[in-house]
Amino acid sequence: MRTLVGLVLCTVVAAAADSSGFTIGALRRDGVVIPFASYDGKNWTMRWPAPAREPEIPINLRSIPSKWWAASPLTTWATWVDGRAGAAVNVLRPDVVDVHCVRQVGLRTDYASRLPIAPPDEQPYPKDGLAIAPPQTLEPIETIEVRAPQLNGFLPVLHEAFDKAERITAGTFNHPVPQRVREQMEPSIEAVYAFGQAPRIYYVESHRQYDVLTAEGRFPFEDSPRCGMAFGTGWFSRDEKGFHSLDMSVRIVRCDKYGATYMLPFGAMHLGSRTYWIAQFSGWDHERYAVVSVDSKTAEAVVNASGGGC
């Protein structure tokens, strides 16, 4: 569900992204583009229809409803693959693909992946990157090794944020692991992504695994046959004073991580004074596409588009 993103600064076009409108789509490995966000120079919107059990499927490009487009129909898209600009692709026709338990209308293109095409029932279906029309400037989001020197001093900040978020989760149900026990355990970092320098923003996936037994010799997690896990995702910033937590959430999942959601970072954009992360968030039975506005104090999703689910 994750892929490494290039570390070298690349752009889809040489000119910086300006205030003109554009649309972004997820580029599936089979060549289908799923448009999910449009920018009109001021605001982000979601115009393309969400997945459905019986979606409206246009017969040809001319029959695609005008309300699905931010402006005129887009037949040529720039691509952003593996953290760098790729070749332009042409739309051939509307198409429909299965996404988890529903179907999604997309745009079949002449894109040819360098990787083997996955079976159509693989979920979440692999994405090679983004498609953008008209072309815009994108920058890569870095994948950081969890023991990288730049993360020195981060674990205490993560531990505190994880504790606070899990207390909120524990307040919604009878958590089988006492607070004093679980908060003695340091969260394990699974993945770290970063972008920017001043401020530098991080997205972190982490967990605590609870292999505990009741007095009767049973695991106390009702929906797990072996153990339970607290899975946490959070946004952090770093400045000259160190790391700061922006937002953290924790949910209790099975140890096979059913119910956990992982990020696939596509890239980042600067539009005016704002910085946006563009990513897929997915798990065993769901996926969504997001555009997240980030700065030194906040991380806020301005687009949160369903990509399918069960």
Protein backbone atom coordinates (compact mmCIF):
# COMPACT_ATOMS: atom_id res chain seq x y z
CA MET A 1 0.00 0.00 0.00
CA ARG A 2 3.02 2.25 0.09
CA THR A 3 5.69 3.19 -2.41
CA LEU A 4 8.92 5.15 -2.09
CA VAL A 5 8.76 8.67 -3.44
CA GLY A 6 11.79 10.23 -5.16
CA LEU A 7 13.93 12.65 -3.21
CA VAL A 8 15.04 14.82 -6.12
CA LEU A 9 13.03 17.97 -6.80
CA CYS A 10 11.09 17.53 -10.03
CA THR A 11 8.25 19.41 -11.65
CA VAL A 12 5.55 18.54 -14.13
CA VAL A 13 6.23 21.84 -15.89
CA ALA A 14 8.97 24.41 -15.48
CA ALA A 15 6.62 27.25 -14.64
CA ALA A 16 5.31 27.50 -11.09
CA ALA A 17 1.69 26.63 -10.44
CA ASP A 18 -0.37 29.79 -10.74
CA SER A 19 -3.92 30.78 -9.91
CA SER A 20 -5.48 29.18 -12.99
CA GLY A 21 -7.71 26.16 -12.49
CA PHE A 22 -6.72 22.54 -12.82
CA THR A 23 -7.88 19.01 -11.94
CA ILE A 24 -5.98 16.19 -10.24
CA GLY A 25 -6.64 12.48 -10.61
CA ALA A 26 -5.20 9.26 -9.23
CA LEU A 27 -3.29 7.36 -11.92
CA ARG A 28 -4.00 3.65 -11.61
CA ARG A 29 -1.43 1.17 -12.86
CA ASP A 30 -3.91 -0.08 -15.48
CA GLY A 31 -4.03 3.39 -17.05
CA VAL A 32 -7.36 4.55 -15.64
CA VAL A 33 -7.39 8.05 -14.17
CA ILE A 34 -9.79 8.79 -11.30
CA PRO A 35 -10.30 12.59 -11.09
CA PHE A 36 -10.88 13.57 -7.45
CA ALA A 37 -10.06 17.25 -6.90
CA SER A 38 -10.31 20.52 -8.83
CA TYR A 39 -8.84 23.91 -7.99
CA ASP A 40 -10.39 27.07 -9.44
CA GLY A 41 -7.69 29.52 -8.42
CA LYS A 42 -9.15 30.07 -4.93
CA ASN A 43 -10.96 26.97 -3.72
CA TRP A 44 -10.74 23.18 -3.94
CA THR A 45 -13.84 21.24 -5.01
CA MET A 46 -14.88 17.65 -5.73
CA ARG A 47 -16.81 17.41 -9.00
CA TRP A 48 -16.21 13.89 -10.25
CA PRO A 49 -18.82 11.43 -8.92
CA ALA A 50 -17.96 9.20 -5.97
CA PRO A 51 -17.98 5.41 -6.32
CA ALA A 52 -21.39 3.74 -6.25
CA ARG A 53 -22.89 0.28 -6.63
CA GLU A 54 -24.57 1.29 -9.91
CA PRO A 55 -22.84 4.45 -11.16
CA GLU A 56 -23.85 6.50 -14.18
CA ILE A 57 -21.46 5.45 -16.96
CA PRO A 58 -21.12 7.88 -19.91
CA ILE A 59 -21.07 6.23 -23.32
CA ASN A 60 -18.26 8.42 -24.66
CA LEU A 61 -16.29 11.55 -23.80
CA ARG A 62 -18.94 13.86 -25.26
CA SER A 63 -21.58 12.39 -22.99
CA ILE A 64 -19.70 13.11 -19.75
CA PRO A 65 -21.87 15.63 -17.84
CA SER A 66 -20.41 19.15 -17.84
CA LYS A 67 -20.88 19.36 -14.05
CA TRP A 68 -18.21 16.68 -13.66
CA TRP A 69 -15.59 19.08 -15.05
CA ALA A 70 -14.19 22.21 -13.43
CA ALA A 71 -13.98 23.83 -16.89
CA SER A 72 -13.88 22.24 -20.35
CA PRO A 73 -13.42 18.47 -20.77
CA LEU A 74 -9.82 17.37 -20.24
CA THR A 75 -8.45 14.95 -22.81
CA THR A 76 -4.69 15.31 -22.27
CA TRP A 77 -3.13 14.94 -18.80
CA ALA A 78 0.39 15.39 -17.49
CA THR A 79 1.62 12.60 -15.22
CA TRP A 80 3.58 12.48 -11.97
CA VAL A 81 5.06 9.03 -11.36
CA ASP A 82 7.57 7.93 -8.70
CA GLY A 83 8.14 11.49 -7.57
CA ARG A 84 8.93 12.96 -10.97
CA ALA A 85 7.25 14.25 -14.11
CA GLY A 86 6.25 11.63 -16.65
CA ALA A 87 4.97 11.65 -20.20
CA ALA A 88 1.58 13.13 -21.04
CA VAL A 89 -1.29 10.69 -21.55
CA ASN A 90 -4.38 10.90 -23.73
CA VAL A 91 -7.90 9.99 -22.70
CA LEU A 92 -9.41 7.24 -24.83
CA ARG A 93 -12.87 6.84 -23.31
CA PRO A 94 -14.81 6.74 -20.05
CA ASP A 95 -14.46 3.45 -18.20
CA VAL A 96 -15.61 1.81 -14.96
CA VAL A 97 -13.50 -0.15 -12.48
CA ASP A 98 -14.29 -2.17 -9.37
CA VAL A 99 -13.12 -0.56 -6.12
CA HIS A 100 -13.71 -2.72 -3.07
CA CYS A 101 -17.50 -3.29 -2.91
CA VAL A 102 -18.51 -0.55 -5.38
CA ARG A 103 -17.67 0.73 -8.87
CA GLN A 104 -15.87 3.90 -9.92
CA VAL A 105 -16.18 5.76 -13.22
CA GLY A 106 -12.82 6.91 -14.54
CA LEU A 107 -11.00 7.86 -17.72
CA ARG A 108 -9.23 5.13 -19.67
CA THR A 109 -5.95 6.55 -21.05
CA ASP A 110 -3.03 5.35 -23.15
CA TYR A 111 -0.73 5.29 -20.10
CA ALA A 112 1.57 2.25 -20.01
CA SER A 113 3.09 1.41 -16.64
CA ARG A 114 6.65 0.14 -16.36
CA LEU A 115 5.42 -2.30 -13.70
CA PRO A 116 3.35 -5.47 -14.20
CA ILE A 117 -0.38 -4.81 -14.29
CA ALA A 118 -2.09 -6.02 -11.12
CA PRO A 119 -5.19 -8.25 -11.24
CA PRO A 120 -8.36 -6.12 -11.38
CA ASP A 121 -9.59 -7.55 -8.06
CA GLU A 122 -6.49 -6.44 -6.10
CA GLN A 123 -7.64 -3.89 -3.52
CA PRO A 124 -6.67 -1.20 -2.98
CA TYR A 125 -5.63 -1.24 -6.62
CA PRO A 126 -2.02 -0.02 -7.14
CA LYS A 127 -1.56 3.63 -8.09
CA ASP A 128 1.52 4.77 -10.01
CA GLY A 129 1.03 8.44 -9.21
CA LEU A 130 -1.07 11.39 -10.31
CA ALA A 131 -2.51 12.84 -13.49
CA ILE A 132 -2.87 16.64 -13.72
CA ALA A 133 -4.62 18.82 -16.30
CA PRO A 134 -3.56 21.40 -17.25
CA PRO A 135 0.05 20.71 -16.11
CA GLN A 136 1.12 22.09 -12.73
CA THR A 137 4.23 22.10 -10.54
CA LEU A 138 4.52 19.24 -8.07
CA GLU A 139 7.28 18.36 -5.61
CA PRO A 140 8.10 14.97 -4.07
CA ILE A 141 7.28 14.03 -0.50
CA GLU A 142 10.23 12.28 1.13
CA THR A 143 10.09 8.84 2.73
CA ILE A 144 12.23 9.00 5.88
CA GLU A 145 14.03 6.02 7.41
CA VAL A 146 12.62 5.56 10.92
CA ARG A 147 16.11 5.74 12.47
CA ALA A 148 17.24 8.77 10.46
CA PRO A 149 19.27 11.36 12.42
CA GLN A 150 16.72 14.05 11.56
CA LEU A 151 14.27 12.24 13.86
CA ASN A 152 16.51 12.61 16.92
CA GLY A 153 14.36 14.00 19.73
CA PHE A 154 11.11 12.97 18.05
CA LEU A 155 10.13 9.89 20.10
CA PRO A 156 9.22 11.76 23.31
CA VAL A 157 6.93 14.09 21.32
CA LEU A 158 5.32 11.15 19.54
CA HIS A 159 4.90 9.27 22.85
CA GLU A 160 3.09 12.20 24.47
CA ALA A 161 0.84 12.78 21.43
CA PHE A 162 0.05 9.05 21.20
CA ASP A 163 -0.89 8.90 24.90
CA LYS A 164 -3.24 11.88 24.61
CA ALA A 165 -4.93 10.50 21.49
CA GLU A 166 -5.36 7.02 22.95
CA ARG A 167 -6.95 8.48 26.10
CA ILE A 168 -9.58 10.08 23.85
CA THR A 169 -10.17 6.74 22.12
CA ALA A 170 -10.32 4.91 25.45
CA GLY A 171 -13.05 7.31 26.56
CA THR A 172 -15.38 5.88 23.92
CA PHE A 173 -15.23 2.23 25.06
CA ASN A 174 -13.91 0.00 27.83
CA HIS A 175 -10.22 -0.19 26.89
CA PRO A 176 -8.97 -3.62 28.08
CA VAL A 177 -5.44 -2.35 28.78
CA PRO A 178 -5.11 0.02 31.78
CA GLN A 179 -3.78 3.49 31.00
CA ARG A 180 -0.78 3.11 33.33
CA VAL A 181 0.22 -0.10 31.52
CA ARG A 182 -0.14 1.08 27.95
CA GLU A 183 1.54 4.47 28.53
CA GLN A 184 4.69 2.75 29.76
CA MET A 185 5.05 1.32 26.25
CA GLU A 186 6.84 3.42 23.66
CA PRO A 187 5.02 3.53 20.30
CA SER A 188 6.77 1.77 17.42
CA ILE A 189 7.21 3.89 14.30
CA GLU A 190 6.12 2.21 11.06
CA ALA A 191 6.52 4.98 8.48
CA VAL A 192 7.55 8.63 8.28
CA TYR A 193 6.99 11.07 5.41
CA ALA A 194 8.27 14.64 5.28
CA PHE A 195 8.14 17.79 3.16
CA GLY A 196 9.50 21.31 3.41
CA GLN A 197 12.14 22.99 5.53
CA ALA A 198 10.70 26.05 7.26
CA PRO A 199 8.58 24.56 8.60
CA ARG A 200 9.31 20.91 7.94
CA ILE A 201 6.13 18.84 8.14
CA TYR A 202 6.01 15.13 9.01
CA TYR A 203 3.30 12.50 8.75
CA VAL A 204 3.89 9.47 10.98
CA GLU A 205 2.29 6.03 11.27
CA SER A 206 2.93 4.15 14.53
CA HIS A 207 1.47 1.52 16.84
CA ARG A 208 1.47 -0.21 20.21
CA GLN A 209 0.77 -3.94 20.23
CA TYR A 210 -0.98 -5.43 23.26
CA ASP A 211 -0.30 -9.14 23.75
CA VAL A 212 -2.17 -9.46 27.03
CA LEU A 213 -4.29 -12.19 28.58
CA THR A 214 -7.17 -12.08 31.03
CA ALA A 215 -7.21 -14.14 34.21
CA GLU A 216 -9.10 -16.77 32.23
CA GLY A 217 -6.30 -16.96 29.66
CA ARG A 218 -8.18 -15.13 26.90
CA PHE A 219 -7.23 -12.08 24.92
CA PRO A 220 -9.47 -9.20 26.06
CA PHE A 221 -10.03 -7.75 22.59
CA GLU A 222 -13.44 -8.92 21.40
CA ASP A 223 -12.79 -8.65 17.67
CA SER A 224 -9.28 -10.14 17.66
CA PRO A 225 -8.39 -13.82 18.13
CA ARG A 226 -4.78 -13.13 19.22
CA CYS A 227 -4.15 -9.58 20.37
CA GLY A 228 -5.03 -5.95 19.90
CA MET A 229 -3.19 -2.95 18.60
CA ALA A 230 -3.42 0.79 19.07
CA PHE A 231 -2.67 2.26 15.63
CA GLY A 232 -1.80 5.95 15.51
CA THR A 233 -1.40 8.46 12.70
CA GLY A 234 -0.26 12.00 13.22
CA TRP A 235 0.99 15.26 11.74
CA PHE A 236 4.01 17.01 13.26
CA SER A 237 6.11 20.07 12.50
CA ARG A 238 9.75 20.79 13.25
CA ASP A 239 11.43 24.16 13.74
CA GLU A 240 14.52 25.46 15.53
CA LYS A 241 12.88 24.57 18.87
CA GLY A 242 12.21 20.96 17.94
CA PHE A 243 9.17 18.83 17.09
CA HIS A 244 5.55 19.84 17.69
CA SER A 245 2.39 17.76 17.41
CA LEU A 246 -0.25 19.21 15.07
CA ASP A 247 -2.82 16.41 15.07
CA MET A 248 -2.86 12.81 16.25
CA SER A 249 -5.49 10.08 16.21
CA VAL A 250 -5.42 6.53 17.57
CA ARG A 251 -7.81 3.67 16.93
CA ILE A 252 -7.84 0.12 18.28
CA VAL A 253 -7.47 -2.49 15.53
CA ARG A 254 -6.73 -6.17 15.19
CA CYS A 255 -3.13 -7.28 15.03
CA ASP A 256 -3.55 -8.08 11.33
CA LYS A 257 -4.19 -4.29 11.09
CA TYR A 258 -7.67 -4.64 9.70
CA GLY A 259 -9.14 -1.19 10.28
CA ALA A 260 -5.83 0.67 10.00
CA THR A 261 -5.39 3.33 7.32
CA TYR A 262 -2.07 3.97 5.58
CA MET A 263 -0.88 6.91 3.52
CA LEU A 264 0.45 6.67 -0.02
CA PRO A 265 1.93 10.14 -0.58
CA PHE A 266 1.68 11.34 -4.18
CA GLY A 267 3.29 14.79 -3.98
CA ALA A 268 3.04 18.33 -2.65
CA MET A 269 2.08 21.69 -4.16
CA HIS A 270 2.61 25.35 -3.31
CA LEU A 271 -0.36 27.53 -4.27
CA GLY A 272 0.06 31.13 -3.20
CA SER A 273 1.08 31.09 0.45
CA ARG A 274 -0.37 27.62 1.10
CA THR A 275 1.24 24.18 0.96
CA TYR A 276 -0.80 21.08 0.13
CA TRP A 277 -0.04 17.39 0.47
CA ILE A 278 -1.82 15.12 -2.04
CA ALA A 279 -2.18 11.50 -0.97
CA GLN A 280 -4.18 8.31 -0.89
CA PHE A 281 -5.27 6.88 2.46
CA SER A 282 -6.26 3.21 2.31
CA GLY A 283 -6.75 -0.01 4.25
CA TRP A 284 -8.01 -3.52 3.71
CA ASP A 285 -11.52 -2.47 2.72
CA HIS A 286 -11.41 1.21 1.85
CA GLU A 287 -9.50 4.02 0.19
CA ARG A 288 -9.84 7.76 -0.20
CA TYR A 289 -7.98 10.61 -1.84
CA ALA A 290 -7.10 13.76 0.09
CA VAL A 291 -5.64 17.21 -0.39
CA VAL A 292 -4.31 18.40 2.97
CA SER A 293 -3.40 22.01 3.73
CA VAL A 294 -0.42 22.05 6.11
CA ASP A 295 1.57 24.72 7.93
CA SER A 296 3.50 25.03 11.19
CA LYS A 297 0.31 24.90 13.28
CA THR A 298 -2.36 22.95 11.42
CA ALA A 299 -3.05 20.07 9.05
CA GLU A 300 -6.51 20.30 7.50
CA ALA A 301 -8.04 18.22 4.70
CA VAL A 302 -9.58 20.51 2.09
CA VAL A 303 -10.53 17.55 -0.13
CA ASN A 304 -11.49 14.15 1.25
CA ALA A 305 -12.83 12.11 -1.66
CA SER A 306 -14.03 8.53 -1.33
CA GLY A 307 -12.14 6.05 -3.47
CA GLY A 308 -14.39 3.12 -2.60
CA GLY A 309 -15.11 0.90 0.38
CA CYS A 310 -17.07 -2.00 1.84
